[in-house]
Amino acid sequence: MLDLITWPMENGVGLPVFFDSAQEVGLGLYSTAVGSIIGEIFGLLFIVSMIIIFKRSRLTKQEK
């Protein structure tokens, strides 16, 4: 799913959906500087939120 979002569709070359002769797709998030920054910020926020969730779940298990 992440490849679909980030794969550039430049010069008609995209990410093949199934095999080489299939339709090619790509949204090209990393084709622009703004898209790169937004993608990296969301990725960082996702990782930080997962760390917080895992730490809280470990704390609640220790309390029981």
C-alpha atoms as a PDB file:
ATOM      1  CA  MET A   1       0.000   0.000   0.000  1.00  0.00           C
ATOM      2  CA  LEU A   2       2.844   2.390   0.798  1.00  0.00           C
ATOM      3  CA  ASP A   3       4.440   1.707  -2.583  1.00  0.00           C
ATOM      4  CA  LEU A   4       1.213   2.801  -4.280  1.00  0.00           C
ATOM      5  CA  ILE A   5       1.298   6.113  -2.413  1.00  0.00           C
ATOM      6  CA  THR A   6       4.984   6.873  -2.897  1.00  0.00           C
ATOM      7  CA  TRP A   7       5.795   5.354  -6.309  1.00  0.00           C
ATOM      8  CA  PRO A   8       6.296   8.079  -8.927  1.00  0.00           C
ATOM      9  CA  MET A   9       4.377   7.966 -12.226  1.00  0.00           C
ATOM     10  CA  GLU A  10       7.061   9.657 -14.301  1.00  0.00           C
ATOM     11  CA  ASN A  11       7.418   9.066 -18.037  1.00  0.00           C
ATOM     12  CA  GLY A  12       4.618   6.498 -17.988  1.00  0.00           C
ATOM     13  CA  VAL A  13       6.561   4.135 -15.728  1.00  0.00           C
ATOM     14  CA  GLY A  14       4.610   3.148 -12.653  1.00  0.00           C
ATOM     15  CA  LEU A  15       4.185   0.305 -10.224  1.00  0.00           C
ATOM     16  CA  PRO A  16       2.708  -2.791 -11.934  1.00  0.00           C
ATOM     17  CA  VAL A  17      -0.472  -3.900 -10.164  1.00  0.00           C
ATOM     18  CA  PHE A  18      -0.119  -7.633 -10.823  1.00  0.00           C
ATOM     19  CA  PHE A  19       2.589  -8.593 -13.333  1.00  0.00           C
ATOM     20  CA  ASP A  20       4.780  -6.695 -15.799  1.00  0.00           C
ATOM     21  CA  SER A  21       2.069  -6.358 -18.435  1.00  0.00           C
ATOM     22  CA  ALA A  22      -0.599  -5.192 -15.971  1.00  0.00           C
ATOM     23  CA  GLN A  23      -1.837  -1.654 -15.433  1.00  0.00           C
ATOM     24  CA  GLU A  24       0.667   0.604 -13.707  1.00  0.00           C
ATOM     25  CA  VAL A  25      -0.238   2.939 -10.856  1.00  0.00           C
ATOM     26  CA  GLY A  26       1.462   5.361  -8.488  1.00  0.00           C
ATOM     27  CA  LEU A  27       0.579   8.583  -6.687  1.00  0.00           C
ATOM     28  CA  GLY A  28       4.143   9.909  -6.503  1.00  0.00           C
ATOM     29  CA  LEU A  29       4.126  11.348  -2.983  1.00  0.00           C
ATOM     30  CA  TYR A  30       7.918  11.647  -2.936  1.00  0.00           C
ATOM     31  CA  SER A  31       8.050  13.432  -6.298  1.00  0.00           C
ATOM     32  CA  THR A  32       7.741  16.811  -4.555  1.00  0.00           C
ATOM     33  CA  ALA A  33       9.532  18.298  -1.560  1.00  0.00           C
ATOM     34  CA  VAL A  34       6.249  19.056   0.234  1.00  0.00           C
ATOM     35  CA  GLY A  35       5.043  15.483  -0.297  1.00  0.00           C
ATOM     36  CA  SER A  36       8.304  14.115   1.067  1.00  0.00           C
ATOM     37  CA  ILE A  37       8.065  16.234   4.203  1.00  0.00           C
ATOM     38  CA  ILE A  38       4.428  15.304   4.789  1.00  0.00           C
ATOM     39  CA  GLY A  39       5.174  11.611   4.267  1.00  0.00           C
ATOM     40  CA  GLU A  40       8.120  11.658   6.651  1.00  0.00           C
ATOM     41  CA  ILE A  41       6.156  13.535   9.344  1.00  0.00           C
ATOM     42  CA  PHE A  42       3.267  11.058   9.172  1.00  0.00           C
ATOM     43  CA  GLY A  43       5.701   8.150   9.294  1.00  0.00           C
ATOM     44  CA  LEU A  44       7.426   9.604  12.345  1.00  0.00           C
ATOM     45  CA  LEU A  45       4.093  10.244  14.080  1.00  0.00           C
ATOM     46  CA  PHE A  46       3.029   6.663  13.368  1.00  0.00           C
ATOM     47  CA  ILE A  47       6.206   5.222  14.881  1.00  0.00           C
ATOM     48  CA  VAL A  48       5.996   7.454  17.967  1.00  0.00           C
ATOM     49  CA  SER A  49       2.329   6.575  18.513  1.00  0.00           C
ATOM     50  CA  MET A  50       3.094   2.836  18.234  1.00  0.00           C
ATOM     51  CA  ILE A  51       5.873   3.170  20.832  1.00  0.00           C
ATOM     52  CA  ILE A  52       3.511   5.002  23.207  1.00  0.00           C
ATOM     53  CA  ILE A  53       0.760   2.412  22.727  1.00  0.00           C
ATOM     54  CA  PHE A  54       3.127  -0.503  23.357  1.00  0.00           C
ATOM     55  CA  LYS A  55       4.590   1.122  26.470  1.00  0.00           C
ATOM     56  CA  ARG A  56       1.135   1.847  27.897  1.00  0.00           C
ATOM     57  CA  SER A  57      -0.048  -1.689  27.217  1.00  0.00           C
ATOM     58  CA  ARG A  58       3.004  -3.097  29.017  1.00  0.00           C
ATOM     59  CA  LEU A  59       2.342  -0.820  32.000  1.00  0.00           C
ATOM     60  CA  THR A  60      -1.285  -1.913  32.296  1.00  0.00           C
ATOM     61  CA  LYS A  61      -0.266  -5.588  32.114  1.00  0.00           C
ATOM     62  CA  GLN A  62       2.229  -5.073  34.943  1.00  0.00           C
ATOM     63  CA  GLU A  63      -0.433  -3.460  37.161  1.00  0.00           C
ATOM     64  CA  LYS A  64      -2.682  -6.525  36.969  1.00  0.00           C
END
